[in-house]
Amino acid sequence: MAQARPRKRGAAPAKKRKRVQIPDDQIRYTNVDMLKRFLSERGKIRARRMTGLSRRQQALAAREIKRAREIGLLPYILPKTDRPRGGGPREDRGDRGDRGDRGPREERAERPAATSAAA
């Protein structure tokens, strides 16, 4: 067996992981209210460290969520909320708007094309 790593000096003691006590028979694809607890706001399946389930229960929950999505009890993607993500539209980025519609390549001075007929 692997040995436990020594703690650094002054480090807080290791926390005991929180485990959720849920019987396996409650994790079914028909129990939509229970399965929604394991989904994020955007409809993604939460990680095991977030749900507090055992490895077997997490695999069971993921399988049942996918089954419920397939038959239409759960949506694949939840509707967007009203709160904006990422700071809003690109026009509100402040100092970047002084160039107008032109990008960095279009700002370069255009050189006339060299003609090969001059030779």
PDB file of N, CA and C in Angstrom:
ATOM      1  N   MET A   1       0.819  -1.182   0.000  1.00  0.00           N
ATOM      2  CA  MET A   1       0.000   0.000   0.000  1.00  0.00           C
ATOM      3  C   MET A   1       0.858   1.239   0.000  1.00  0.00           C
ATOM      4  N   ALA A   2       0.361   2.288  -0.594  1.00  0.00           N
ATOM      5  CA  ALA A   2       1.113   3.536  -0.665  1.00  0.00           C
ATOM      6  C   ALA A   2       1.094   4.233   0.693  1.00  0.00           C
ATOM      7  N   GLN A   3       2.221   4.851   0.989  1.00  0.00           N
ATOM      8  CA  GLN A   3       2.305   5.577   2.252  1.00  0.00           C
ATOM      9  C   GLN A   3       1.700   6.957   2.082  1.00  0.00           C
ATOM     10  N   ALA A   4       1.155   7.489   3.168  1.00  0.00           N
ATOM     11  CA  ALA A   4       0.587   8.834   3.149  1.00  0.00           C
ATOM     12  C   ALA A   4       1.716   9.854   3.089  1.00  0.00           C
ATOM     13  N   ARG A   5       1.493  10.923   2.368  1.00  0.00           N
ATOM     14  CA  ARG A   5       2.505  11.970   2.270  1.00  0.00           C
ATOM     15  C   ARG A   5       2.583  12.727   3.584  1.00  0.00           C
ATOM     16  N   PRO A   6       3.780  13.128   3.981  1.00  0.00           N
ATOM     17  CA  PRO A   6       3.885  13.941   5.192  1.00  0.00           C
ATOM     18  C   PRO A   6       3.333  15.339   4.946  1.00  0.00           C
ATOM     19  N   ARG A   7       2.668  15.886   5.949  1.00  0.00           N
ATOM     20  CA  ARG A   7       2.096  17.229   5.822  1.00  0.00           C
ATOM     21  C   ARG A   7       3.171  18.277   5.998  1.00  0.00           C
ATOM     22  N   LYS A   8       2.948  19.417   5.381  1.00  0.00           N
ATOM     23  CA  LYS A   8       3.871  20.531   5.556  1.00  0.00           C
ATOM     24  C   LYS A   8       3.682  21.110   6.944  1.00  0.00           C
ATOM     25  N   ARG A   9       4.716  21.770   7.423  1.00  0.00           N
ATOM     26  CA  ARG A   9       4.631  22.396   8.736  1.00  0.00           C
ATOM     27  C   ARG A   9       3.574  23.483   8.726  1.00  0.00           C
ATOM     28  N   GLY A  10       2.749  23.515   9.732  1.00  0.00           N
ATOM     29  CA  GLY A  10       1.744  24.545   9.859  1.00  0.00           C
ATOM     30  C   GLY A  10       0.510  24.314   8.997  1.00  0.00           C
ATOM     31  N   ALA A  11       0.461  23.202   8.291  1.00  0.00           N
ATOM     32  CA  ALA A  11      -0.694  22.934   7.436  1.00  0.00           C
ATOM     33  C   ALA A  11      -1.860  22.448   8.280  1.00  0.00           C
ATOM     34  N   ALA A  12      -3.050  22.770   7.821  1.00  0.00           N
ATOM     35  CA  ALA A  12      -4.259  22.333   8.527  1.00  0.00           C
ATOM     36  C   ALA A  12      -4.401  20.823   8.381  1.00  0.00           C
ATOM     37  N   PRO A  13      -5.012  20.184   9.356  1.00  0.00           N
ATOM     38  CA  PRO A  13      -5.203  18.735   9.246  1.00  0.00           C
ATOM     39  C   PRO A  13      -6.116  18.394   8.064  1.00  0.00           C
ATOM     40  N   ALA A  14      -5.909  17.210   7.510  1.00  0.00           N
ATOM     41  CA  ALA A  14      -6.700  16.785   6.351  1.00  0.00           C
ATOM     42  C   ALA A  14      -8.172  16.690   6.731  1.00  0.00           C
ATOM     43  N   LYS A  15      -9.028  17.191   5.834  1.00  0.00           N
ATOM     44  CA  LYS A  15     -10.459  17.165   6.100  1.00  0.00           C
ATOM     45  C   LYS A  15     -11.047  15.826   5.682  1.00  0.00           C
ATOM     46  N   LYS A  16     -12.005  15.382   6.430  1.00  0.00           N
ATOM     47  CA  LYS A  16     -12.725  14.164   6.087  1.00  0.00           C
ATOM     48  C   LYS A  16     -13.701  14.502   4.963  1.00  0.00           C
ATOM     49  N   ARG A  17     -13.768  13.673   3.937  1.00  0.00           N
ATOM     50  CA  ARG A  17     -14.659  13.940   2.821  1.00  0.00           C
ATOM     51  C   ARG A  17     -16.103  13.722   3.214  1.00  0.00           C
ATOM     52  N   LYS A  18     -16.935  14.603   2.715  1.00  0.00           N
ATOM     53  CA  LYS A  18     -18.363  14.519   2.973  1.00  0.00           C
ATOM     54  C   LYS A  18     -18.957  13.459   2.052  1.00  0.00           C
ATOM     55  N   ARG A  19     -19.693  12.536   2.583  1.00  0.00           N
ATOM     56  CA  ARG A  19     -20.353  11.506   1.795  1.00  0.00           C
ATOM     57  C   ARG A  19     -21.852  11.637   1.971  1.00  0.00           C
ATOM     58  N   VAL A  20     -22.555  11.561   0.871  1.00  0.00           N
ATOM     59  CA  VAL A  20     -24.005  11.647   0.893  1.00  0.00           C
ATOM     60  C   VAL A  20     -24.551  10.237   1.074  1.00  0.00           C
ATOM     61  N   GLN A  21     -25.455  10.087   2.009  1.00  0.00           N
ATOM     62  CA  GLN A  21     -26.054   8.783   2.265  1.00  0.00           C
ATOM     63  C   GLN A  21     -27.346   8.665   1.453  1.00  0.00           C
ATOM     64  N   ILE A  22     -27.235   8.080   0.278  1.00  0.00           N
ATOM     65  CA  ILE A  22     -28.379   7.872  -0.602  1.00  0.00           C
ATOM     66  C   ILE A  22     -28.432   6.397  -0.947  1.00  0.00           C
ATOM     67  N   PRO A  23     -29.569   5.769  -0.748  1.00  0.00           N
ATOM     68  CA  PRO A  23     -29.671   4.370  -1.177  1.00  0.00           C
ATOM     69  C   PRO A  23     -29.592   4.272  -2.700  1.00  0.00           C
ATOM     70  N   ASP A  24     -28.989   3.205  -3.180  1.00  0.00           N
ATOM     71  CA  ASP A  24     -28.817   3.036  -4.622  1.00  0.00           C
ATOM     72  C   ASP A  24     -30.149   2.931  -5.352  1.00  0.00           C
ATOM     73  N   ASP A  25     -31.174   2.436  -4.693  1.00  0.00           N
ATOM     74  CA  ASP A  25     -32.450   2.271  -5.390  1.00  0.00           C
ATOM     75  C   ASP A  25     -33.165   3.598  -5.616  1.00  0.00           C
ATOM     76  N   GLN A  26     -32.720   4.682  -4.992  1.00  0.00           N
ATOM     77  CA  GLN A  26     -33.307   6.006  -5.249  1.00  0.00           C
ATOM     78  C   GLN A  26     -32.702   6.668  -6.483  1.00  0.00           C
ATOM     79  N   ILE A  27     -31.542   6.209  -6.917  1.00  0.00           N
ATOM     80  CA  ILE A  27     -30.898   6.773  -8.104  1.00  0.00           C
ATOM     81  C   ILE A  27     -31.421   5.999  -9.313  1.00  0.00           C
ATOM     82  N   ARG A  28     -32.567   6.425  -9.830  1.00  0.00           N
ATOM     83  CA  ARG A  28     -33.212   5.803 -10.982  1.00  0.00           C
ATOM     84  C   ARG A  28     -33.526   6.883 -11.997  1.00  0.00           C
ATOM     85  N   TYR A  29     -33.641   6.527 -13.248  1.00  0.00           N
ATOM     86  CA  TYR A  29     -33.907   7.516 -14.292  1.00  0.00           C
ATOM     87  C   TYR A  29     -35.293   8.122 -14.170  1.00  0.00           C
ATOM     88  N   THR A  30     -36.204   7.454 -13.478  1.00  0.00           N
ATOM     89  CA  THR A  30     -37.552   7.997 -13.298  1.00  0.00           C
ATOM     90  C   THR A  30     -37.604   9.027 -12.171  1.00  0.00           C
ATOM     91  N   ASN A  31     -36.625   9.030 -11.282  1.00  0.00           N
ATOM     92  CA  ASN A  31     -36.579   9.957 -10.154  1.00  0.00           C
ATOM     93  C   ASN A  31     -35.843  11.230 -10.598  1.00  0.00           C
ATOM     94  N   VAL A  32     -36.537  12.077 -11.343  1.00  0.00           N
ATOM     95  CA  VAL A  32     -35.918  13.244 -11.967  1.00  0.00           C
ATOM     96  C   VAL A  32     -35.477  14.271 -10.925  1.00  0.00           C
ATOM     97  N   ASP A  33     -36.260  14.432  -9.872  1.00  0.00           N
ATOM     98  CA  ASP A  33     -35.894  15.414  -8.843  1.00  0.00           C
ATOM     99  C   ASP A  33     -34.569  15.048  -8.178  1.00  0.00           C
ATOM    100  N   MET A  34     -34.336  13.782  -7.953  1.00  0.00           N
ATOM    101  CA  MET A  34     -33.072  13.341  -7.358  1.00  0.00           C
ATOM    102  C   MET A  34     -31.919  13.566  -8.336  1.00  0.00           C
ATOM    103  N   LEU A  35     -32.141  13.268  -9.603  1.00  0.00           N
ATOM    104  CA  LEU A  35     -31.070  13.403 -10.593  1.00  0.00           C
ATOM    105  C   LEU A  35     -30.695  14.858 -10.841  1.00  0.00           C
ATOM    106  N   LYS A  36     -31.632  15.785 -10.699  1.00  0.00           N
ATOM    107  CA  LYS A  36     -31.335  17.207 -10.898  1.00  0.00           C
ATOM    108  C   LYS A  36     -30.335  17.723  -9.866  1.00  0.00           C
ATOM    109  N   ARG A  37     -30.244  17.069  -8.726  1.00  0.00           N
ATOM    110  CA  ARG A  37     -29.263  17.464  -7.707  1.00  0.00           C
ATOM    111  C   ARG A  37     -27.840  17.257  -8.196  1.00  0.00           C
ATOM    112  N   PHE A  38     -27.653  16.351  -9.153  1.00  0.00           N
ATOM    113  CA  PHE A  38     -26.316  16.015  -9.636  1.00  0.00           C
ATOM    114  C   PHE A  38     -25.970  16.731 -10.935  1.00  0.00           C
ATOM    115  N   LEU A  39     -26.790  17.701 -11.347  1.00  0.00           N
ATOM    116  CA  LEU A  39     -26.529  18.486 -12.547  1.00  0.00           C
ATOM    117  C   LEU A  39     -26.167  19.913 -12.163  1.00  0.00           C
ATOM    118  N   SER A  40     -25.301  20.540 -12.947  1.00  0.00           N
ATOM    119  CA  SER A  40     -24.960  21.943 -12.723  1.00  0.00           C
ATOM    120  C   SER A  40     -26.052  22.824 -13.306  1.00  0.00           C
ATOM    121  N   GLU A  41     -25.889  24.147 -13.177  1.00  0.00           N
ATOM    122  CA  GLU A  41     -26.871  25.088 -13.695  1.00  0.00           C
ATOM    123  C   GLU A  41     -26.945  25.014 -15.214  1.00  0.00           C
ATOM    124  N   ARG A  42     -25.867  24.604 -15.838  1.00  0.00           N
ATOM    125  CA  ARG A  42     -25.819  24.537 -17.301  1.00  0.00           C
ATOM    126  C   ARG A  42     -26.159  23.155 -17.827  1.00  0.00           C
ATOM    127  N   GLY A  43     -26.470  22.208 -16.945  1.00  0.00           N
ATOM    128  CA  GLY A  43     -26.889  20.884 -17.381  1.00  0.00           C
ATOM    129  C   GLY A  43     -25.787  19.850 -17.426  1.00  0.00           C
ATOM    130  N   LYS A  44     -24.597  20.182 -16.941  1.00  0.00           N
ATOM    131  CA  LYS A  44     -23.504  19.219 -16.943  1.00  0.00           C
ATOM    132  C   LYS A  44     -23.579  18.351 -15.689  1.00  0.00           C
ATOM    133  N   ILE A  45     -23.067  17.127 -15.793  1.00  0.00           N
ATOM    134  CA  ILE A  45     -23.037  16.223 -14.645  1.00  0.00           C
ATOM    135  C   ILE A  45     -21.915  16.685 -13.723  1.00  0.00           C
ATOM    136  N   ARG A  46     -22.253  16.885 -12.465  1.00  0.00           N
ATOM    137  CA  ARG A  46     -21.264  17.369 -11.497  1.00  0.00           C
ATOM    138  C   ARG A  46     -20.237  16.284 -11.183  1.00  0.00           C
ATOM    139  N   ALA A  47     -19.064  16.711 -10.776  1.00  0.00           N
ATOM    140  CA  ALA A  47     -17.985  15.797 -10.431  1.00  0.00           C
ATOM    141  C   ALA A  47     -18.276  15.110  -9.092  1.00  0.00           C
ATOM    142  N   ARG A  48     -17.600  14.034  -8.868  1.00  0.00           N
ATOM    143  CA  ARG A  48     -17.800  13.238  -7.660  1.00  0.00           C
ATOM    144  C   ARG A  48     -17.456  14.011  -6.395  1.00  0.00           C
ATOM    145  N   ARG A  49     -16.451  14.847  -6.478  1.00  0.00           N
ATOM    146  CA  ARG A  49     -16.069  15.618  -5.285  1.00  0.00           C
ATOM    147  C   ARG A  49     -17.127  16.662  -4.946  1.00  0.00           C
ATOM    148  N   MET A  50     -17.964  17.036  -5.926  1.00  0.00           N
ATOM    149  CA  MET A  50     -19.037  17.993  -5.673  1.00  0.00           C
ATOM    150  C   MET A  50     -20.293  17.300  -5.154  1.00  0.00           C
ATOM    151  N   THR A  51     -20.576  16.119  -5.678  1.00  0.00           N
ATOM    152  CA  THR A  51     -21.808  15.436  -5.299  1.00  0.00           C
ATOM    153  C   THR A  51     -21.677  14.683  -3.988  1.00  0.00           C
ATOM    154  N   GLY A  52     -20.473  14.229  -3.663  1.00  0.00           N
ATOM    155  CA  GLY A  52     -20.275  13.476  -2.439  1.00  0.00           C
ATOM    156  C   GLY A  52     -20.672  12.012  -2.548  1.00  0.00           C
ATOM    157  N   LEU A  53     -20.870  11.529  -3.767  1.00  0.00           N
ATOM    158  CA  LEU A  53     -21.251  10.138  -3.972  1.00  0.00           C
ATOM    159  C   LEU A  53     -20.020   9.244  -4.005  1.00  0.00           C
ATOM    160  N   SER A  54     -20.240   7.960  -3.779  1.00  0.00           N
ATOM    161  CA  SER A  54     -19.149   7.000  -3.928  1.00  0.00           C
ATOM    162  C   SER A  54     -18.886   6.796  -5.418  1.00  0.00           C
ATOM    163  N   ARG A  55     -17.818   6.096  -5.736  1.00  0.00           N
ATOM    164  CA  ARG A  55     -17.473   5.890  -7.130  1.00  0.00           C
ATOM    165  C   ARG A  55     -18.572   5.104  -7.851  1.00  0.00           C
ATOM    166  N   ARG A  56     -19.081   4.087  -7.206  1.00  0.00           N
ATOM    167  CA  ARG A  56     -20.134   3.271  -7.809  1.00  0.00           C
ATOM    168  C   ARG A  56     -21.424   4.066  -7.990  1.00  0.00           C
ATOM    169  N   GLN A  57     -21.774   4.853  -6.980  1.00  0.00           N
ATOM    170  CA  GLN A  57     -22.992   5.657  -7.070  1.00  0.00           C
ATOM    171  C   GLN A  57     -22.860   6.756  -8.121  1.00  0.00           C
ATOM    172  N   GLN A  58     -21.669   7.342  -8.266  1.00  0.00           N
ATOM    173  CA  GLN A  58     -21.460   8.376  -9.269  1.00  0.00           C
ATOM    174  C   GLN A  58     -21.620   7.800 -10.666  1.00  0.00           C
ATOM    175  N   ALA A  59     -21.080   6.606 -10.896  1.00  0.00           N
ATOM    176  CA  ALA A  59     -21.228   5.965 -12.199  1.00  0.00           C
ATOM    177  C   ALA A  59     -22.692   5.631 -12.461  1.00  0.00           C
ATOM    178  N   LEU A  60     -23.386   5.177 -11.423  1.00  0.00           N
ATOM    179  CA  LEU A  60     -24.810   4.873 -11.551  1.00  0.00           C
ATOM    180  C   LEU A  60     -25.615   6.133 -11.853  1.00  0.00           C
ATOM    181  N   ALA A  61     -25.306   7.226 -11.160  1.00  0.00           N
ATOM    182  CA  ALA A  61     -26.021   8.485 -11.374  1.00  0.00           C
ATOM    183  C   ALA A  61     -25.785   9.002 -12.788  1.00  0.00           C
ATOM    184  N   ALA A  62     -24.545   8.935 -13.275  1.00  0.00           N
ATOM    185  CA  ALA A  62     -24.245   9.392 -14.632  1.00  0.00           C
ATOM    186  C   ALA A  62     -25.000   8.557 -15.655  1.00  0.00           C
ATOM    187  N   ARG A  63     -25.034   7.254 -15.445  1.00  0.00           N
ATOM    188  CA  ARG A  63     -25.736   6.373 -16.374  1.00  0.00           C
ATOM    189  C   ARG A  63     -27.235   6.666 -16.388  1.00  0.00           C
ATOM    190  N   GLU A  64     -27.812   6.902 -15.212  1.00  0.00           N
ATOM    191  CA  GLU A  64     -29.245   7.168 -15.108  1.00  0.00           C
ATOM    192  C   GLU A  64     -29.602   8.553 -15.659  1.00  0.00           C
ATOM    193  N   ILE A  65     -28.700   9.537 -15.496  1.00  0.00           N
ATOM    194  CA  ILE A  65     -28.930  10.865 -16.075  1.00  0.00           C
ATOM    195  C   ILE A  65     -28.943  10.761 -17.590  1.00  0.00           C
ATOM    196  N   LYS A  66     -27.995  10.016 -18.146  1.00  0.00           N
ATOM    197  CA  LYS A  66     -27.941   9.852 -19.596  1.00  0.00           C
ATOM    198  C   LYS A  66     -29.175   9.114 -20.107  1.00  0.00           C
ATOM    199  N   ARG A  67     -29.638   8.149 -19.351  1.00  0.00           N
ATOM    200  CA  ARG A  67     -30.841   7.410 -19.740  1.00  0.00           C
ATOM    201  C   ARG A  67     -32.067   8.317 -19.698  1.00  0.00           C
ATOM    202  N   ALA A  68     -32.158   9.160 -18.654  1.00  0.00           N
ATOM    203  CA  ALA A  68     -33.293  10.083 -18.534  1.00  0.00           C
ATOM    204  C   ALA A  68     -33.254  11.134 -19.644  1.00  0.00           C
ATOM    205  N   ARG A  69     -32.072  11.560 -20.041  1.00  0.00           N
ATOM    206  CA  ARG A  69     -31.958  12.509 -21.143  1.00  0.00           C
ATOM    207  C   ARG A  69     -32.407  11.868 -22.455  1.00  0.00           C
ATOM    208  N   GLU A  70     -32.037  10.613 -22.639  1.00  0.00           N
ATOM    209  CA  GLU A  70     -32.345   9.928 -23.886  1.00  0.00           C
ATOM    210  C   GLU A  70     -33.850   9.769 -24.099  1.00  0.00           C
ATOM    211  N   ILE A  71     -34.587   9.506 -23.030  1.00  0.00           N
ATOM    212  CA  ILE A  71     -36.031   9.326 -23.202  1.00  0.00           C
ATOM    213  C   ILE A  71     -36.806  10.619 -22.977  1.00  0.00           C
ATOM    214  N   GLY A  72     -36.103  11.713 -22.689  1.00  0.00           N
ATOM    215  CA  GLY A  72     -36.744  13.023 -22.650  1.00  0.00           C
ATOM    216  C   GLY A  72     -37.203  13.495 -21.286  1.00  0.00           C
ATOM    217  N   LEU A  73     -36.798  12.838 -20.216  1.00  0.00           N
ATOM    218  CA  LEU A  73     -37.180  13.301 -18.875  1.00  0.00           C
ATOM    219  C   LEU A  73     -36.304  14.446 -18.397  1.00  0.00           C
ATOM    220  N   LEU A  74     -35.066  14.489 -18.849  1.00  0.00           N
ATOM    221  CA  LEU A  74     -34.133  15.569 -18.509  1.00  0.00           C
ATOM    222  C   LEU A  74     -33.632  16.202 -19.805  1.00  0.00           C
ATOM    223  N   PRO A  75     -33.426  17.518 -19.812  1.00  0.00           N
ATOM    224  CA  PRO A  75     -32.878  18.150 -21.017  1.00  0.00           C
ATOM    225  C   PRO A  75     -31.366  17.948 -21.097  1.00  0.00           C
ATOM    226  N   TYR A  76     -30.849  17.956 -22.313  1.00  0.00           N
ATOM    227  CA  TYR A  76     -29.395  17.882 -22.489  1.00  0.00           C
ATOM    228  C   TYR A  76     -28.749  19.186 -22.046  1.00  0.00           C
ATOM    229  N   ILE A  77     -29.369  20.321 -22.389  1.00  0.00           N
ATOM    230  CA  ILE A  77     -28.856  21.637 -22.022  1.00  0.00           C
ATOM    231  C   ILE A  77     -29.985  22.389 -21.345  1.00  0.00           C
ATOM    232  N   LEU A  78     -29.692  22.961 -20.188  1.00  0.00           N
ATOM    233  CA  LEU A  78     -30.698  23.744 -19.489  1.00  0.00           C
ATOM    234  C   LEU A  78     -30.782  25.130 -20.111  1.00  0.00           C
ATOM    235  N   PRO A  79     -31.941  25.781 -20.044  1.00  0.00           N
ATOM    236  CA  PRO A  79     -32.053  27.121 -20.622  1.00  0.00           C
ATOM    237  C   PRO A  79     -31.114  28.100 -19.937  1.00  0.00           C
ATOM    238  N   LYS A  80     -30.658  29.111 -20.708  1.00  0.00           N
ATOM    239  CA  LYS A  80     -29.727  30.098 -20.166  1.00  0.00           C
ATOM    240  C   LYS A  80     -30.415  30.946 -19.116  1.00  0.00           C
ATOM    241  N   THR A  81     -29.643  31.356 -18.124  1.00  0.00           N
ATOM    242  CA  THR A  81     -30.165  32.241 -17.094  1.00  0.00           C
ATOM    243  C   THR A  81     -30.008  33.682 -17.553  1.00  0.00           C
ATOM    244  N   ASP A  82     -30.560  34.609 -16.795  1.00  0.00           N
ATOM    245  CA  ASP A  82     -30.515  36.016 -17.166  1.00  0.00           C
ATOM    246  C   ASP A  82     -29.174  36.669 -16.889  1.00  0.00           C
ATOM    247  N   ARG A  83     -28.354  36.062 -16.045  1.00  0.00           N
ATOM    248  CA  ARG A  83     -27.098  36.717 -15.701  1.00  0.00           C
ATOM    249  C   ARG A  83     -26.094  36.559 -16.832  1.00  0.00           C
ATOM    250  N   PRO A  84     -25.416  37.644 -17.200  1.00  0.00           N
ATOM    251  CA  PRO A  84     -24.449  37.567 -18.299  1.00  0.00           C
ATOM    252  C   PRO A  84     -23.182  36.862 -17.858  1.00  0.00           C
ATOM    253  N   ARG A  85     -22.540  36.182 -18.794  1.00  0.00           N
ATOM    254  CA  ARG A  85     -21.269  35.513 -18.536  1.00  0.00           C
ATOM    255  C   ARG A  85     -20.180  36.203 -19.324  1.00  0.00           C
ATOM    256  N   GLY A  86     -19.023  36.312 -18.747  1.00  0.00           N
ATOM    257  CA  GLY A  86     -17.861  36.791 -19.468  1.00  0.00           C
ATOM    258  C   GLY A  86     -17.787  38.288 -19.675  1.00  0.00           C
ATOM    259  N   GLY A  87     -18.570  39.066 -18.963  1.00  0.00           N
ATOM    260  CA  GLY A  87     -18.425  40.506 -19.037  1.00  0.00           C
ATOM    261  C   GLY A  87     -19.261  41.194 -20.092  1.00  0.00           C
ATOM    262  N   GLY A  88     -20.139  40.504 -20.770  1.00  0.00           N
ATOM    263  CA  GLY A  88     -21.035  41.171 -21.691  1.00  0.00           C
ATOM    264  C   GLY A  88     -20.554  41.157 -23.131  1.00  0.00           C
ATOM    265  N   PRO A  89     -21.163  41.978 -23.977  1.00  0.00           N
ATOM    266  CA  PRO A  89     -20.810  41.970 -25.398  1.00  0.00           C
ATOM    267  C   PRO A  89     -19.436  42.572 -25.644  1.00  0.00           C
ATOM    268  N   ARG A  90     -18.876  42.281 -26.805  1.00  0.00           N
ATOM    269  CA  ARG A  90     -17.512  42.725 -27.129  1.00  0.00           C
ATOM    270  C   ARG A  90     -17.402  44.228 -27.287  1.00  0.00           C
ATOM    271  N   GLU A  91     -18.479  44.924 -27.612  1.00  0.00           N
ATOM    272  CA  GLU A  91     -18.387  46.368 -27.810  1.00  0.00           C
ATOM    273  C   GLU A  91     -18.039  47.100 -26.518  1.00  0.00           C
ATOM    274  N   ASP A  92     -18.256  46.502 -25.385  1.00  0.00           N
ATOM    275  CA  ASP A  92     -18.023  47.152 -24.102  1.00  0.00           C
ATOM    276  C   ASP A  92     -16.628  46.888 -23.567  1.00  0.00           C
ATOM    277  N   ARG A  93     -15.635  46.652 -24.417  1.00  0.00           N
ATOM    278  CA  ARG A  93     -14.309  46.304 -23.940  1.00  0.00           C
ATOM    279  C   ARG A  93     -13.405  47.503 -23.715  1.00  0.00           C
ATOM    280  N   GLY A  94     -13.925  48.701 -23.842  1.00  0.00           N
ATOM    281  CA  GLY A  94     -13.143  49.871 -23.472  1.00  0.00           C
ATOM    282  C   GLY A  94     -12.191  50.335 -24.542  1.00  0.00           C
ATOM    283  N   ASP A  95     -10.881  50.230 -24.295  1.00  0.00           N
ATOM    284  CA  ASP A  95      -9.872  50.852 -25.136  1.00  0.00           C
ATOM    285  C   ASP A  95      -9.670  50.161 -26.475  1.00  0.00           C
ATOM    286  N   ARG A  96     -10.319  49.063 -26.751  1.00  0.00           N
ATOM    287  CA  ARG A  96     -10.110  48.378 -28.023  1.00  0.00           C
ATOM    288  C   ARG A  96     -10.975  48.936 -29.147  1.00  0.00           C
ATOM    289  N   GLY A  97     -11.900  49.801 -28.864  1.00  0.00           N
ATOM    290  CA  GLY A  97     -12.851  50.241 -29.865  1.00  0.00           C
ATOM    291  C   GLY A  97     -12.389  51.409 -30.712  1.00  0.00           C
ATOM    292  N   ASP A  98     -11.153  51.904 -30.563  1.00  0.00           N
ATOM    293  CA  ASP A  98     -10.736  53.095 -31.286  1.00  0.00           C
ATOM    294  C   ASP A  98     -10.348  52.824 -32.736  1.00  0.00           C
ATOM    295  N   ARG A  99     -10.220  51.576 -33.163  1.00  0.00           N
ATOM    296  CA  ARG A  99      -9.819  51.266 -34.527  1.00  0.00           C
ATOM    297  C   ARG A  99     -11.006  51.142 -35.468  1.00  0.00           C
ATOM    298  N   GLY A 100     -12.185  51.089 -34.955  1.00  0.00           N
ATOM    299  CA  GLY A 100     -13.341  50.902 -35.820  1.00  0.00           C
ATOM    300  C   GLY A 100     -13.460  49.458 -36.237  1.00  0.00           C
ATOM    301  N   ASP A 101     -13.785  49.228 -37.495  1.00  0.00           N
ATOM    302  CA  ASP A 101     -13.965  47.870 -37.989  1.00  0.00           C
ATOM    303  C   ASP A 101     -12.674  47.249 -38.484  1.00  0.00           C
ATOM    304  N   ARG A 102     -11.611  48.025 -38.539  1.00  0.00           N
ATOM    305  CA  ARG A 102     -10.366  47.519 -39.105  1.00  0.00           C
ATOM    306  C   ARG A 102      -9.574  46.749 -38.078  1.00  0.00           C
ATOM    307  N   GLY A 103      -9.038  45.632 -38.479  1.00  0.00           N
ATOM    308  CA  GLY A 103      -8.212  44.812 -37.606  1.00  0.00           C
ATOM    309  C   GLY A 103      -6.768  45.234 -37.685  1.00  0.00           C
ATOM    310  N   PRO A 104      -5.864  44.580 -36.967  1.00  0.00           N
ATOM    311  CA  PRO A 104      -4.451  44.981 -36.950  1.00  0.00           C
ATOM    312  C   PRO A 104      -3.762  44.801 -38.298  1.00  0.00           C
ATOM    313  N   ARG A 105      -4.171  43.837 -39.115  1.00  0.00           N
ATOM    314  CA  ARG A 105      -3.521  43.626 -40.400  1.00  0.00           C
ATOM    315  C   ARG A 105      -3.936  44.681 -41.409  1.00  0.00           C
ATOM    316  N   GLU A 106      -5.157  45.181 -41.302  1.00  0.00           N
ATOM    317  CA  GLU A 106      -5.641  46.161 -42.254  1.00  0.00           C
ATOM    318  C   GLU A 106      -5.093  47.552 -41.966  1.00  0.00           C
ATOM    319  N   GLU A 107      -4.536  47.773 -40.783  1.00  0.00           N
ATOM    320  CA  GLU A 107      -3.991  49.081 -40.443  1.00  0.00           C
ATOM    321  C   GLU A 107      -2.645  49.332 -41.105  1.00  0.00           C
ATOM    322  N   ARG A 108      -1.953  48.284 -41.530  1.00  0.00           N
ATOM    323  CA  ARG A 108      -0.652  48.456 -42.150  1.00  0.00           C
ATOM    324  C   ARG A 108      -0.795  49.237 -43.452  1.00  0.00           C
ATOM    325  N   ALA A 109       0.215  49.987 -43.748  1.00  0.00           N
ATOM    326  CA  ALA A 109       0.183  50.745 -44.998  1.00  0.00           C
ATOM    327  C   ALA A 109       0.235  49.775 -46.166  1.00  0.00           C
ATOM    328  N   GLU A 110      -0.648  49.989 -47.095  1.00  0.00           N
ATOM    329  CA  GLU A 110      -0.683  49.098 -48.244  1.00  0.00           C
ATOM    330  C   GLU A 110       0.368  49.546 -49.255  1.00  0.00           C
ATOM    331  N   ARG A 111       1.218  48.627 -49.653  1.00  0.00           N
ATOM    332  CA  ARG A 111       2.246  48.913 -50.638  1.00  0.00           C
ATOM    333  C   ARG A 111       1.722  48.574 -52.024  1.00  0.00           C
ATOM    334  N   PRO A 112       2.098  49.342 -52.992  1.00  0.00           N
ATOM    335  CA  PRO A 112       1.668  48.971 -54.346  1.00  0.00           C
ATOM    336  C   PRO A 112       2.370  47.693 -54.773  1.00  0.00           C
ATOM    337  N   ALA A 113       1.689  46.925 -55.555  1.00  0.00           N
ATOM    338  CA  ALA A 113       2.242  45.643 -55.990  1.00  0.00           C
ATOM    339  C   ALA A 113       3.409  45.898 -56.927  1.00  0.00           C
ATOM    340  N   ALA A 114       4.471  45.129 -56.758  1.00  0.00           N
ATOM    341  CA  ALA A 114       5.667  45.260 -57.617  1.00  0.00           C
ATOM    342  C   ALA A 114       5.340  44.685 -58.979  1.00  0.00           C
ATOM    343  N   THR A 115       5.734  45.410 -59.977  1.00  0.00           N
ATOM    344  CA  THR A 115       5.456  44.927 -61.335  1.00  0.00           C
ATOM    345  C   THR A 115       6.693  44.276 -61.898  1.00  0.00           C
ATOM    346  N   SER A 116       6.513  43.187 -62.577  1.00  0.00           N
ATOM    347  CA  SER A 116       7.645  42.504 -63.172  1.00  0.00           C
ATOM    348  C   SER A 116       7.944  43.009 -64.579  1.00  0.00           C
ATOM    349  N   ALA A 117       7.110  43.895 -65.120  1.00  0.00           N
ATOM    350  CA  ALA A 117       7.298  44.411 -66.460  1.00  0.00           C
ATOM    351  C   ALA A 117       8.386  45.496 -66.498  1.00  0.00           C
ATOM    352  N   ALA A 118       8.843  45.972 -65.347  1.00  0.00           N
ATOM    353  CA  ALA A 118       9.839  47.031 -65.325  1.00  0.00           C
ATOM    354  C   ALA A 118      11.199  46.530 -65.762  1.00  0.00           C
ATOM    355  N   ALA A 119      11.426  45.253 -65.854  1.00  0.00           N
ATOM    356  CA  ALA A 119      12.749  44.743 -66.230  1.00  0.00           C
ATOM    357  C   ALA A 119      13.059  44.776 -67.671  1.00  0.00           C
TER     358      ALA A 119
END
